[in-house]
Amino acid sequence: MLLGETSLQYESKAAIRPLVAALVLALASTVAVRAEDAKPAADPAVANQLDPNSSEKDAKLLEKYQAVKVEDGKYFDKDGAPTYHITNDGKKFDWYAYSGYRRYHAECHVCHGPDAMGSTYAPALKDSLKRISYEEFIGIIAGGKQDISSSGTNVMPAFGDNKNVMCYADDLYTYLKARASGAMPRVRPTDKEEKPEAAKKAEKECLGG
């Protein structure tokens, strides 16, 4: 179960628009292409410079999520999925990780807890992102999810029609990957890379501005 908001109280929507389904498929196809093109990079410009004193770091995930290339201010890992870029000993964040932090605490933290730590009725997304892929993440937030167990049924509503979520899906994914790997500890980002022109354009087109 991923993401949620109090006003819906975990009541799932019956369906999402066909356009959203097409968007999810398109995103999956794009990632597949990027995965073929992505090559390990020796360029130190994409290397992370994390807080050396942080105790949360997961070495395997840090390696898995390490950026190997950057396009128009957006970083990608070896699988072609969006990823984070953190420098200055963990003090400076790429735009998308920074934006994801802001968007998460505007749309998701009421159910999933501050800093993706979870709550009594929604899971810790910093743990969920250790297990699911980019395509799964996009599919879940767009179409929702239902978990049935002996203790009851938990429903994650579909956000496919919510532009405040879907227009920033990559930002959320990038932030949550940083939390999952321990690259971003429980801090409020204070320094960030400039907002890329590509991000400005995509946001305007998605929101219909």
C-alpha atoms as a PDB file:
ATOM      1  CA  MET A   1       0.000   0.000   0.000  1.00  0.00           C
ATOM      2  CA  LEU A   2       1.416   3.365  -1.008  1.00  0.00           C
ATOM      3  CA  LEU A   3       0.475   6.929  -0.351  1.00  0.00           C
ATOM      4  CA  GLY A   4      -2.903   8.278   0.765  1.00  0.00           C
ATOM      5  CA  GLU A   5      -4.772  11.228   2.154  1.00  0.00           C
ATOM      6  CA  THR A   6      -7.061  11.738   5.134  1.00  0.00           C
ATOM      7  CA  SER A   7      -9.991  13.200   3.214  1.00  0.00           C
ATOM      8  CA  LEU A   8     -10.422  10.001   1.238  1.00  0.00           C
ATOM      9  CA  GLN A   9      -9.768   7.820   4.277  1.00  0.00           C
ATOM     10  CA  TYR A  10      -8.329   5.112   2.089  1.00  0.00           C
ATOM     11  CA  GLU A  11     -11.441   4.658  -0.028  1.00  0.00           C
ATOM     12  CA  SER A  12     -10.281   3.546  -3.472  1.00  0.00           C
ATOM     13  CA  LYS A  13     -11.652   4.998  -6.691  1.00  0.00           C
ATOM     14  CA  ALA A  14     -13.482   2.583  -8.975  1.00  0.00           C
ATOM     15  CA  ALA A  15     -11.262   3.239 -11.962  1.00  0.00           C
ATOM     16  CA  ILE A  16      -8.752   5.618 -13.456  1.00  0.00           C
ATOM     17  CA  ARG A  17      -8.956   7.378 -16.749  1.00  0.00           C
ATOM     18  CA  PRO A  18      -7.706   5.502 -19.817  1.00  0.00           C
ATOM     19  CA  LEU A  19      -5.259   8.351 -20.364  1.00  0.00           C
ATOM     20  CA  VAL A  20      -3.546   7.565 -17.070  1.00  0.00           C
ATOM     21  CA  ALA A  21      -3.257   3.894 -17.984  1.00  0.00           C
ATOM     22  CA  ALA A  22      -1.654   4.913 -21.263  1.00  0.00           C
ATOM     23  CA  LEU A  23       0.708   7.204 -19.358  1.00  0.00           C
ATOM     24  CA  VAL A  24       1.835   4.361 -17.104  1.00  0.00           C
ATOM     25  CA  LEU A  25       2.553   2.151 -20.115  1.00  0.00           C
ATOM     26  CA  ALA A  26       4.441   4.950 -21.797  1.00  0.00           C
ATOM     27  CA  LEU A  27       6.550   5.521 -18.686  1.00  0.00           C
ATOM     28  CA  ALA A  28       7.388   1.823 -18.486  1.00  0.00           C
ATOM     29  CA  SER A  29       8.454   1.808 -22.140  1.00  0.00           C
ATOM     30  CA  THR A  30      10.590   4.898 -21.629  1.00  0.00           C
ATOM     31  CA  VAL A  31      12.355   3.334 -18.663  1.00  0.00           C
ATOM     32  CA  ALA A  32      13.073   0.193 -20.677  1.00  0.00           C
ATOM     33  CA  VAL A  33      14.730   2.273 -23.375  1.00  0.00           C
ATOM     34  CA  ARG A  34      16.725   4.267 -20.829  1.00  0.00           C
ATOM     35  CA  ALA A  35      17.905   1.061 -19.187  1.00  0.00           C
ATOM     36  CA  GLU A  36      19.409  -0.075 -22.498  1.00  0.00           C
ATOM     37  CA  ASP A  37      21.149   3.259 -23.038  1.00  0.00           C
ATOM     38  CA  ALA A  38      22.399   3.808 -19.486  1.00  0.00           C
ATOM     39  CA  LYS A  39      26.074   3.000 -19.065  1.00  0.00           C
ATOM     40  CA  PRO A  40      28.123   3.162 -15.869  1.00  0.00           C
ATOM     41  CA  ALA A  41      29.689   6.602 -15.786  1.00  0.00           C
ATOM     42  CA  ALA A  42      33.141   7.512 -14.586  1.00  0.00           C
ATOM     43  CA  ASP A  43      32.137  11.173 -14.570  1.00  0.00           C
ATOM     44  CA  PRO A  44      32.483  12.432 -10.985  1.00  0.00           C
ATOM     45  CA  ALA A  45      29.789  15.011 -11.739  1.00  0.00           C
ATOM     46  CA  VAL A  46      27.111  12.409 -10.998  1.00  0.00           C
ATOM     47  CA  ALA A  47      28.780  10.904  -7.912  1.00  0.00           C
ATOM     48  CA  ASN A  48      27.077  11.436  -4.569  1.00  0.00           C
ATOM     49  CA  GLN A  49      28.859  13.132  -1.685  1.00  0.00           C
ATOM     50  CA  LEU A  50      26.860  12.046   1.330  1.00  0.00           C
ATOM     51  CA  ASP A  51      26.955  12.938   4.993  1.00  0.00           C
ATOM     52  CA  PRO A  52      29.872  10.863   6.337  1.00  0.00           C
ATOM     53  CA  ASN A  53      28.311  10.792   9.801  1.00  0.00           C
ATOM     54  CA  SER A  54      24.943   9.377   8.754  1.00  0.00           C
ATOM     55  CA  SER A  55      24.186   5.971  10.261  1.00  0.00           C
ATOM     56  CA  GLU A  56      21.222   5.157   7.996  1.00  0.00           C
ATOM     57  CA  LYS A  57      23.109   4.406   4.773  1.00  0.00           C
ATOM     58  CA  ASP A  58      22.414   1.106   2.983  1.00  0.00           C
ATOM     59  CA  ALA A  59      25.513   0.278   0.936  1.00  0.00           C
ATOM     60  CA  LYS A  60      23.738  -2.056  -1.493  1.00  0.00           C
ATOM     61  CA  LEU A  61      20.953   0.388  -2.250  1.00  0.00           C
ATOM     62  CA  LEU A  62      23.367   3.294  -2.521  1.00  0.00           C
ATOM     63  CA  GLU A  63      25.228   1.387  -5.216  1.00  0.00           C
ATOM     64  CA  LYS A  64      22.022   0.300  -6.941  1.00  0.00           C
ATOM     65  CA  TYR A  65      20.555   3.807  -6.988  1.00  0.00           C
ATOM     66  CA  GLN A  66      23.778   5.633  -7.896  1.00  0.00           C
ATOM     67  CA  ALA A  67      23.293   7.951 -10.862  1.00  0.00           C
ATOM     68  CA  VAL A  68      25.173   7.007 -14.007  1.00  0.00           C
ATOM     69  CA  LYS A  69      23.994   9.855 -16.207  1.00  0.00           C
ATOM     70  CA  VAL A  70      22.190  13.175 -16.127  1.00  0.00           C
ATOM     71  CA  GLU A  71      19.928  14.653 -18.786  1.00  0.00           C
ATOM     72  CA  ASP A  72      18.529  18.177 -18.528  1.00  0.00           C
ATOM     73  CA  GLY A  73      19.165  18.257 -14.785  1.00  0.00           C
ATOM     74  CA  LYS A  74      17.526  14.880 -14.149  1.00  0.00           C
ATOM     75  CA  TYR A  75      19.577  11.925 -12.931  1.00  0.00           C
ATOM     76  CA  PHE A  76      19.140   8.259 -13.864  1.00  0.00           C
ATOM     77  CA  ASP A  77      20.465   5.031 -12.361  1.00  0.00           C
ATOM     78  CA  LYS A  78      21.847   2.030 -14.255  1.00  0.00           C
ATOM     79  CA  ASP A  79      18.316   0.679 -14.772  1.00  0.00           C
ATOM     80  CA  GLY A  80      17.226   3.924 -16.429  1.00  0.00           C
ATOM     81  CA  ALA A  81      14.958   4.982 -13.551  1.00  0.00           C
ATOM     82  CA  PRO A  82      15.002   8.474 -12.017  1.00  0.00           C
ATOM     83  CA  THR A  83      17.366   8.768  -9.076  1.00  0.00           C
ATOM     84  CA  TYR A  84      18.839  11.350  -6.735  1.00  0.00           C
ATOM     85  CA  HIS A  85      22.052  13.365  -6.714  1.00  0.00           C
ATOM     86  CA  ILE A  86      23.239  14.553  -3.305  1.00  0.00           C
ATOM     87  CA  THR A  87      26.442  16.504  -2.742  1.00  0.00           C
ATOM     88  CA  ASN A  88      28.259  18.773  -0.288  1.00  0.00           C
ATOM     89  CA  ASP A  89      28.389  16.067   2.398  1.00  0.00           C
ATOM     90  CA  GLY A  90      24.654  15.458   2.189  1.00  0.00           C
ATOM     91  CA  LYS A  91      23.610  19.111   2.300  1.00  0.00           C
ATOM     92  CA  LYS A  92      22.749  19.807  -1.357  1.00  0.00           C
ATOM     93  CA  PHE A  93      20.023  17.931  -3.238  1.00  0.00           C
ATOM     94  CA  ASP A  94      19.088  17.674  -6.876  1.00  0.00           C
ATOM     95  CA  TRP A  95      15.893  19.501  -7.818  1.00  0.00           C
ATOM     96  CA  TYR A  96      13.730  16.387  -8.090  1.00  0.00           C
ATOM     97  CA  ALA A  97      14.684  14.980  -4.672  1.00  0.00           C
ATOM     98  CA  TYR A  98      14.075  18.406  -3.157  1.00  0.00           C
ATOM     99  CA  SER A  99      10.733  18.773  -4.920  1.00  0.00           C
ATOM    100  CA  GLY A 100       9.795  15.235  -3.888  1.00  0.00           C
ATOM    101  CA  TYR A 101      10.414  16.091  -0.241  1.00  0.00           C
ATOM    102  CA  ARG A 102       8.083  19.081  -0.510  1.00  0.00           C
ATOM    103  CA  ARG A 103       5.422  17.191  -2.451  1.00  0.00           C
ATOM    104  CA  TYR A 104       5.537  14.218  -0.072  1.00  0.00           C
ATOM    105  CA  HIS A 105       4.968  16.424   2.961  1.00  0.00           C
ATOM    106  CA  ALA A 106       2.131  18.200   1.169  1.00  0.00           C
ATOM    107  CA  GLU A 107       0.289  15.125  -0.105  1.00  0.00           C
ATOM    108  CA  CYS A 108       1.463  11.954   1.639  1.00  0.00           C
ATOM    109  CA  HIS A 109       2.810  12.458   5.142  1.00  0.00           C
ATOM    110  CA  VAL A 110      -0.614  12.624   6.843  1.00  0.00           C
ATOM    111  CA  CYS A 111      -1.016   8.891   6.238  1.00  0.00           C
ATOM    112  CA  HIS A 112       2.531   7.668   5.721  1.00  0.00           C
ATOM    113  CA  GLY A 113       4.203   9.754   8.398  1.00  0.00           C
ATOM    114  CA  PRO A 114       6.853  12.477   8.278  1.00  0.00           C
ATOM    115  CA  ASP A 115       9.995  11.568   6.335  1.00  0.00           C
ATOM    116  CA  ALA A 116       8.278   8.433   4.953  1.00  0.00           C
ATOM    117  CA  MET A 117       8.602   6.723   8.344  1.00  0.00           C
ATOM    118  CA  GLY A 118       5.094   5.222   8.340  1.00  0.00           C
ATOM    119  CA  SER A 119       2.190   5.414  10.765  1.00  0.00           C
ATOM    120  CA  THR A 120      -0.236   3.138  12.598  1.00  0.00           C
ATOM    121  CA  TYR A 121      -2.393   2.754   9.473  1.00  0.00           C
ATOM    122  CA  ALA A 122      -0.021   3.219   6.516  1.00  0.00           C
ATOM    123  CA  PRO A 123       3.389   1.676   5.775  1.00  0.00           C
ATOM    124  CA  ALA A 124       6.780   3.349   5.845  1.00  0.00           C
ATOM    125  CA  LEU A 125       7.475   4.248   2.235  1.00  0.00           C
ATOM    126  CA  LYS A 126      11.190   4.407   2.908  1.00  0.00           C
ATOM    127  CA  ASP A 127      10.922   0.628   3.351  1.00  0.00           C
ATOM    128  CA  SER A 128       8.472   0.039   0.495  1.00  0.00           C
ATOM    129  CA  LEU A 129      10.875   1.645  -1.993  1.00  0.00           C
ATOM    130  CA  LYS A 130      13.491  -0.967  -1.140  1.00  0.00           C
ATOM    131  CA  ARG A 131      11.298  -3.589  -2.805  1.00  0.00           C
ATOM    132  CA  ILE A 132       9.303  -2.089  -5.658  1.00  0.00           C
ATOM    133  CA  SER A 133      10.404  -0.858  -9.065  1.00  0.00           C
ATOM    134  CA  TYR A 134       9.763   2.484 -10.706  1.00  0.00           C
ATOM    135  CA  GLU A 135       7.059   0.968 -12.917  1.00  0.00           C
ATOM    136  CA  GLU A 136       5.328  -0.595  -9.909  1.00  0.00           C
ATOM    137  CA  PHE A 137       5.470   2.688  -8.030  1.00  0.00           C
ATOM    138  CA  ILE A 138       3.864   4.639 -10.875  1.00  0.00           C
ATOM    139  CA  GLY A 139       1.201   1.973 -11.329  1.00  0.00           C
ATOM    140  CA  ILE A 140       0.274   1.947  -7.648  1.00  0.00           C
ATOM    141  CA  ILE A 141      -0.076   5.679  -7.187  1.00  0.00           C
ATOM    142  CA  ALA A 142      -2.040   5.943 -10.434  1.00  0.00           C
ATOM    143  CA  GLY A 143      -4.353   2.976  -9.922  1.00  0.00           C
ATOM    144  CA  GLY A 144      -4.316   2.365  -6.188  1.00  0.00           C
ATOM    145  CA  LYS A 145      -3.827  -0.880  -4.332  1.00  0.00           C
ATOM    146  CA  GLN A 146      -5.709  -3.142  -1.954  1.00  0.00           C
ATOM    147  CA  ASP A 147      -4.076  -5.389   0.636  1.00  0.00           C
ATOM    148  CA  ILE A 148      -6.213  -8.088   2.273  1.00  0.00           C
ATOM    149  CA  SER A 149      -4.982  -9.947   5.332  1.00  0.00           C
ATOM    150  CA  SER A 150      -6.363 -11.707   8.394  1.00  0.00           C
ATOM    151  CA  SER A 151      -6.281  -8.400  10.255  1.00  0.00           C
ATOM    152  CA  GLY A 152      -8.401  -6.606   7.680  1.00  0.00           C
ATOM    153  CA  THR A 153      -8.314  -4.776   4.377  1.00  0.00           C
ATOM    154  CA  ASN A 154      -6.156  -1.754   3.683  1.00  0.00           C
ATOM    155  CA  VAL A 155      -6.920   0.324   0.624  1.00  0.00           C
ATOM    156  CA  MET A 156      -4.642   2.796  -1.082  1.00  0.00           C
ATOM    157  CA  PRO A 157      -6.744   5.154  -3.215  1.00  0.00           C
ATOM    158  CA  ALA A 158      -5.960   5.828  -6.856  1.00  0.00           C
ATOM    159  CA  PHE A 159      -4.359   9.195  -7.556  1.00  0.00           C
ATOM    160  CA  GLY A 160      -4.466   8.967 -11.330  1.00  0.00           C
ATOM    161  CA  ASP A 161      -6.769  11.980 -11.543  1.00  0.00           C
ATOM    162  CA  ASN A 162      -4.872  14.038  -8.981  1.00  0.00           C
ATOM    163  CA  LYS A 163      -2.436  16.305 -10.809  1.00  0.00           C
ATOM    164  CA  ASN A 164      -0.869  17.419  -7.532  1.00  0.00           C
ATOM    165  CA  VAL A 165       0.406  13.850  -7.224  1.00  0.00           C
ATOM    166  CA  MET A 166       0.787  12.530 -10.766  1.00  0.00           C
ATOM    167  CA  CYS A 167       2.561  15.601 -12.137  1.00  0.00           C
ATOM    168  CA  TYR A 168       5.226  15.060  -9.485  1.00  0.00           C
ATOM    169  CA  ALA A 169       5.393  11.256  -9.507  1.00  0.00           C
ATOM    170  CA  ASP A 170       9.073  11.195 -10.501  1.00  0.00           C
ATOM    171  CA  ASP A 171       9.884  13.737  -7.788  1.00  0.00           C
ATOM    172  CA  LEU A 172       8.186  11.578  -5.155  1.00  0.00           C
ATOM    173  CA  TYR A 173       9.935   8.470  -6.428  1.00  0.00           C
ATOM    174  CA  THR A 174      13.333  10.179  -6.351  1.00  0.00           C
ATOM    175  CA  TYR A 175      12.843  11.474  -2.804  1.00  0.00           C
ATOM    176  CA  LEU A 176      11.635   8.099  -1.524  1.00  0.00           C
ATOM    177  CA  LYS A 177      14.613   6.314  -3.100  1.00  0.00           C
ATOM    178  CA  ALA A 178      16.905   8.718  -1.268  1.00  0.00           C
ATOM    179  CA  ARG A 179      15.126   7.898   1.988  1.00  0.00           C
ATOM    180  CA  ALA A 180      15.153   4.147   1.284  1.00  0.00           C
ATOM    181  CA  SER A 181      18.916   4.043   0.741  1.00  0.00           C
ATOM    182  CA  GLY A 182      19.687   6.393   3.607  1.00  0.00           C
ATOM    183  CA  ALA A 183      21.237   8.938   1.241  1.00  0.00           C
ATOM    184  CA  MET A 184      18.805  11.512   2.627  1.00  0.00           C
ATOM    185  CA  PRO A 185      18.378  11.310   6.411  1.00  0.00           C
ATOM    186  CA  ARG A 186      15.484  12.854   8.309  1.00  0.00           C
ATOM    187  CA  VAL A 187      16.320  16.412   7.382  1.00  0.00           C
ATOM    188  CA  ARG A 188      14.623  19.346   5.738  1.00  0.00           C
ATOM    189  CA  PRO A 189      16.618  20.131   2.570  1.00  0.00           C
ATOM    190  CA  THR A 190      18.189  23.571   2.773  1.00  0.00           C
ATOM    191  CA  ASP A 191      20.281  23.634  -0.406  1.00  0.00           C
ATOM    192  CA  LYS A 192      19.308  22.444  -3.858  1.00  0.00           C
ATOM    193  CA  GLU A 193      20.293  22.485  -7.493  1.00  0.00           C
ATOM    194  CA  GLU A 194      18.478  24.988  -9.704  1.00  0.00           C
ATOM    195  CA  LYS A 195      15.127  23.918 -11.116  1.00  0.00           C
ATOM    196  CA  PRO A 196      15.848  22.599 -14.628  1.00  0.00           C
ATOM    197  CA  GLU A 197      14.096  24.175 -17.591  1.00  0.00           C
ATOM    198  CA  ALA A 198      12.856  20.697 -18.507  1.00  0.00           C
ATOM    199  CA  ALA A 199      11.151  20.440 -15.102  1.00  0.00           C
ATOM    200  CA  LYS A 200       9.509  23.839 -15.557  1.00  0.00           C
ATOM    201  CA  LYS A 201       8.205  22.848 -18.981  1.00  0.00           C
ATOM    202  CA  ALA A 202       6.928  19.439 -17.856  1.00  0.00           C
ATOM    203  CA  GLU A 203       5.182  20.934 -14.840  1.00  0.00           C
ATOM    204  CA  LYS A 204       3.450  23.588 -16.933  1.00  0.00           C
ATOM    205  CA  GLU A 205       2.294  21.061 -19.516  1.00  0.00           C
ATOM    206  CA  CYS A 206       1.068  18.573 -16.901  1.00  0.00           C
ATOM    207  CA  LEU A 207      -0.820  21.140 -14.826  1.00  0.00           C
ATOM    208  CA  GLY A 208      -2.280  22.752 -17.925  1.00  0.00           C
ATOM    209  CA  GLY A 209      -0.797  26.158 -17.202  1.00  0.00           C
END
